[in-house]
């Protein structure tokens, strides 16, 4: 939902901070991506066991989960606000903000075999969700989709996925390919970080 609907108002302000010293919720550095077709899911407890992932990594059907190469220089910005007005157009010259923009996420893949890159380019034809894996072997996932709790991916905006051609690094830099896509506004409202695993960053397709 990109437009935040404020009517009808609740009878009181909804509680936000309910724990004095909560555990920090920090994603860390994203090092791999997992793509699967939109609407695939599993249980959060199953997601932290390799036995749950093995049939998805080897699947030949719609349940297949595709693991990216290691990614570098992750850029996951907050969505910019959608603004109207300012100056004489609006009261006090303050812009009116209707909601947020769709953020553009960018990652770099270094010195990858271009057969791998060519395969990834076919993902442009798919309706996809994405799950992130951080440096602590944790999954970054959505805990709710369409009101249903579970282990879900974040929906990639259809048509936004782009895999670049190879950039030749020359004498000083590594060769690189860019992967870029958009997520929907407010995508992180349902973000959760799994418990630490021993296998997430080691997952590959067979």
Protein backbone atom coordinates (compact mmCIF):
# COMPACT_ATOMS: atom_id res chain seq x y z
CA UNK A 1 0.00 0.00 0.00
CA UNK A 2 1.68 3.22 -1.15
CA UNK A 3 -1.03 5.58 0.14
CA UNK A 4 -1.38 5.70 3.92
CA UNK A 5 -5.12 5.82 4.66
CA UNK A 6 -5.87 7.70 7.90
CA UNK A 7 -9.67 7.39 8.06
CA UNK A 8 -11.41 6.30 10.14
CA UNK A 9 -9.11 7.29 12.98
CA UNK A 10 -8.59 4.95 15.91
CA UNK A 11 -10.09 5.98 19.24
CA UNK A 12 -6.62 6.41 20.73
CA UNK A 13 -2.98 6.52 19.66
CA UNK A 14 -1.67 3.03 18.95
CA UNK A 15 1.14 1.98 21.29
CA UNK A 16 4.59 1.87 19.73
CA UNK A 17 7.35 1.45 22.32
CA UNK A 18 6.24 -1.27 24.75
CA UNK A 19 9.64 -2.60 25.91
CA UNK A 20 12.20 -0.49 27.76
CA UNK A 21 15.31 -2.17 26.33
CA UNK A 22 14.27 -4.16 23.26
CA UNK A 23 16.72 -6.24 21.24
CA UNK A 24 18.17 -4.13 18.40
CA UNK A 25 16.68 -4.84 14.99
CA UNK A 26 19.64 -4.38 12.66
CA UNK A 27 19.85 -6.05 9.25
CA UNK A 28 23.60 -5.77 8.73
CA UNK A 29 25.33 -6.27 5.38
CA UNK A 30 23.38 -8.14 2.70
CA UNK A 31 25.64 -10.70 0.97
CA UNK A 32 23.25 -12.91 -1.02
CA UNK A 33 19.76 -12.76 -2.51
CA UNK A 34 17.22 -15.55 -2.91
CA UNK A 35 14.50 -15.23 -5.55
CA UNK A 36 11.40 -17.36 -5.89
CA UNK A 37 8.08 -16.95 -7.65
CA UNK A 38 5.63 -14.68 -5.89
CA UNK A 39 3.36 -16.43 -3.34
CA UNK A 40 5.86 -19.16 -2.43
CA UNK A 41 6.22 -19.45 1.33
CA UNK A 42 7.32 -21.67 4.22
CA UNK A 43 7.16 -21.55 8.01
CA UNK A 44 9.66 -19.34 9.88
CA UNK A 45 10.83 -22.35 11.90
CA UNK A 46 11.32 -24.44 8.76
CA UNK A 47 13.25 -21.65 7.07
CA UNK A 48 16.20 -22.01 9.44
CA UNK A 49 16.77 -25.70 8.60
CA UNK A 50 18.64 -26.79 5.48
CA UNK A 51 16.27 -29.74 5.01
CA UNK A 52 13.50 -27.27 4.13
CA UNK A 53 15.61 -25.48 1.53
CA UNK A 54 17.19 -28.50 -0.20
CA UNK A 55 14.11 -29.49 -2.25
CA UNK A 56 13.56 -25.85 -3.24
CA UNK A 57 17.15 -25.41 -4.42
CA UNK A 58 16.93 -28.56 -6.55
CA UNK A 59 13.32 -28.15 -7.71
CA UNK A 60 12.43 -28.21 -11.39
CA UNK A 61 8.98 -26.66 -10.87
CA UNK A 62 7.32 -23.48 -9.61
CA UNK A 63 8.64 -23.90 -6.05
CA UNK A 64 12.27 -23.43 -7.08
CA UNK A 65 14.34 -20.98 -5.05
CA UNK A 66 17.21 -19.37 -6.98
CA UNK A 67 20.25 -18.16 -5.07
CA UNK A 68 22.30 -15.26 -6.39
CA UNK A 69 26.08 -15.08 -6.41
CA UNK A 70 27.63 -13.12 -3.55
CA UNK A 71 26.72 -9.45 -3.91
CA UNK A 72 28.77 -6.39 -2.97
CA UNK A 73 28.14 -2.71 -2.36
CA UNK A 74 24.47 -3.18 -1.39
CA UNK A 75 22.42 0.00 -1.64
CA UNK A 76 18.98 -0.30 -0.05
CA UNK A 77 17.62 3.23 0.36
CA UNK A 78 14.53 4.39 2.17
CA UNK A 79 11.79 5.35 -0.27
CA UNK A 80 11.55 9.10 -0.88
CA UNK A 81 8.25 10.79 0.01
CA UNK A 82 5.66 11.63 -2.64
CA UNK A 83 5.26 15.36 -2.20
CA UNK A 84 2.97 18.10 -3.39
CA UNK A 85 3.29 21.82 -2.88
CA UNK A 86 5.75 24.01 -1.05
CA UNK A 87 6.16 27.73 -1.37
CA UNK A 88 2.86 29.53 -1.98
CA UNK A 89 1.09 26.38 -3.16
CA UNK A 90 0.48 25.01 0.35
CA UNK A 91 -0.07 26.42 3.85
CA UNK A 92 3.13 27.67 5.50
CA UNK A 93 4.97 26.53 2.38
CA UNK A 94 5.07 23.01 3.81
CA UNK A 95 4.85 20.19 1.23
CA UNK A 96 2.02 17.71 1.68
CA UNK A 97 3.21 14.12 1.71
CA UNK A 98 0.88 11.40 0.39
CA UNK A 99 3.08 8.38 0.90
CA UNK A 100 6.40 6.97 -0.22
CA UNK A 101 8.09 6.20 -3.51
CA UNK A 102 9.18 2.75 -4.62
CA UNK A 103 12.84 2.33 -3.53
CA UNK A 104 15.46 1.21 -6.05
CA UNK A 105 17.81 -1.48 -4.66
CA UNK A 106 21.22 -1.95 -6.25
CA UNK A 107 23.89 -4.65 -5.77
CA UNK A 108 27.14 -5.46 -7.56
CA UNK A 109 28.34 -8.93 -8.57
CA UNK A 110 32.11 -9.10 -9.04
CA UNK A 111 34.02 -11.24 -11.55
CA UNK A 112 31.09 -13.59 -12.19
CA UNK A 113 30.97 -16.08 -15.05
CA UNK A 114 28.73 -14.54 -17.68
CA UNK A 115 26.82 -17.81 -18.10
CA UNK A 116 25.56 -17.18 -14.57
CA UNK A 117 24.68 -13.60 -15.45
CA UNK A 118 22.84 -14.69 -18.60
CA UNK A 119 20.73 -17.10 -16.54
CA UNK A 120 19.90 -14.34 -14.07
CA UNK A 121 18.73 -12.07 -16.89
CA UNK A 122 15.85 -14.49 -17.56
CA UNK A 123 14.41 -13.52 -14.18
CA UNK A 124 13.13 -10.37 -15.86
CA UNK A 125 10.29 -12.47 -17.26
CA UNK A 126 9.14 -13.65 -13.80
CA UNK A 127 6.89 -12.38 -11.01
CA UNK A 128 9.32 -12.63 -8.11
CA UNK A 129 9.78 -12.20 -4.40
CA UNK A 130 13.23 -11.67 -2.89
CA UNK A 131 14.70 -12.76 0.45
CA UNK A 132 17.99 -11.35 1.71
CA UNK A 133 20.83 -13.14 3.51
CA UNK A 134 23.14 -11.11 5.73
CA UNK A 135 26.69 -11.67 6.93
CA UNK A 136 25.43 -13.46 10.05
CA UNK A 137 23.76 -16.23 8.01
CA UNK A 138 20.34 -14.77 8.82
CA UNK A 139 17.40 -14.50 6.45
CA UNK A 140 15.74 -11.10 6.05
CA UNK A 141 12.14 -11.85 5.14
CA UNK A 142 8.55 -10.65 5.31
CA UNK A 143 6.54 -12.14 8.16
CA UNK A 144 3.16 -11.27 6.61
CA UNK A 145 1.74 -11.20 3.10
CA UNK A 146 -1.87 -10.24 2.40
CA UNK A 147 -2.66 -10.67 6.07
CA UNK A 148 -1.22 -14.19 6.30
CA UNK A 149 1.69 -14.83 8.65
CA UNK A 150 4.63 -16.93 7.48
CA UNK A 151 8.06 -16.75 5.87
CA UNK A 152 7.56 -14.72 2.70
CA UNK A 153 9.75 -12.81 0.29
CA UNK A 154 9.42 -9.11 -0.52
CA UNK A 155 7.64 -8.53 -3.81
CA UNK A 156 9.86 -7.25 -6.62
CA UNK A 157 7.93 -4.67 -8.64
CA UNK A 158 7.13 -6.43 -11.94
CA UNK A 159 9.28 -5.25 -14.80
CA UNK A 160 11.80 -3.48 -12.56
CA UNK A 161 14.49 -6.17 -12.41
CA UNK A 162 17.63 -5.30 -14.37
CA UNK A 163 20.88 -7.25 -14.73
CA UNK A 164 23.56 -5.23 -16.48
CA UNK A 165 26.14 -6.31 -18.99
CA UNK A 166 29.69 -6.74 -17.74
CA UNK A 167 31.64 -3.65 -16.78
CA UNK A 168 35.32 -4.28 -17.52
CA UNK A 169 37.38 -3.26 -14.49
CA UNK A 170 40.73 -2.95 -16.25
CA UNK A 171 43.99 -2.66 -14.33
CA UNK A 172 42.69 -1.53 -10.93
CA UNK A 173 39.04 -2.64 -10.58
CA UNK A 174 37.25 -5.96 -10.74
CA UNK A 175 34.88 -6.71 -13.58
CA UNK A 176 31.32 -6.20 -12.40
CA UNK A 177 27.67 -6.75 -13.23
CA UNK A 178 24.91 -4.70 -11.63
CA UNK A 179 21.63 -6.12 -10.31
CA UNK A 180 18.88 -3.60 -9.73
CA UNK A 181 15.18 -3.79 -8.86
CA UNK A 182 12.39 -1.93 -7.09
CA UNK A 183 10.39 -2.97 -4.06
CA UNK A 184 6.93 -1.70 -3.25
CA UNK A 185 6.50 1.32 -0.95
CA UNK A 186 6.34 0.35 2.73
CA UNK A 187 8.00 -2.99 1.93
CA UNK A 188 9.91 -3.02 5.22
CA UNK A 189 6.79 -2.75 7.41
CA UNK A 190 6.75 -6.56 7.65
CA UNK A 191 10.53 -7.08 7.78
CA UNK A 192 11.83 -9.72 10.15
CA UNK A 193 15.31 -11.14 10.77
CA UNK A 194 15.55 -14.89 11.34
CA UNK A 195 17.68 -16.62 13.90
CA UNK A 196 21.26 -17.31 12.83
CA UNK A 197 21.79 -20.37 10.65
CA UNK A 198 24.94 -22.28 9.71
CA UNK A 199 24.09 -22.71 6.02
CA UNK A 200 22.34 -19.71 4.45
CA UNK A 201 25.40 -18.13 2.80
CA UNK A 202 26.55 -21.57 1.58
CA UNK A 203 23.35 -22.30 -0.36
CA UNK A 204 23.73 -22.90 -4.11
CA UNK A 205 21.51 -24.34 -6.79
CA UNK A 206 22.18 -27.79 -8.19
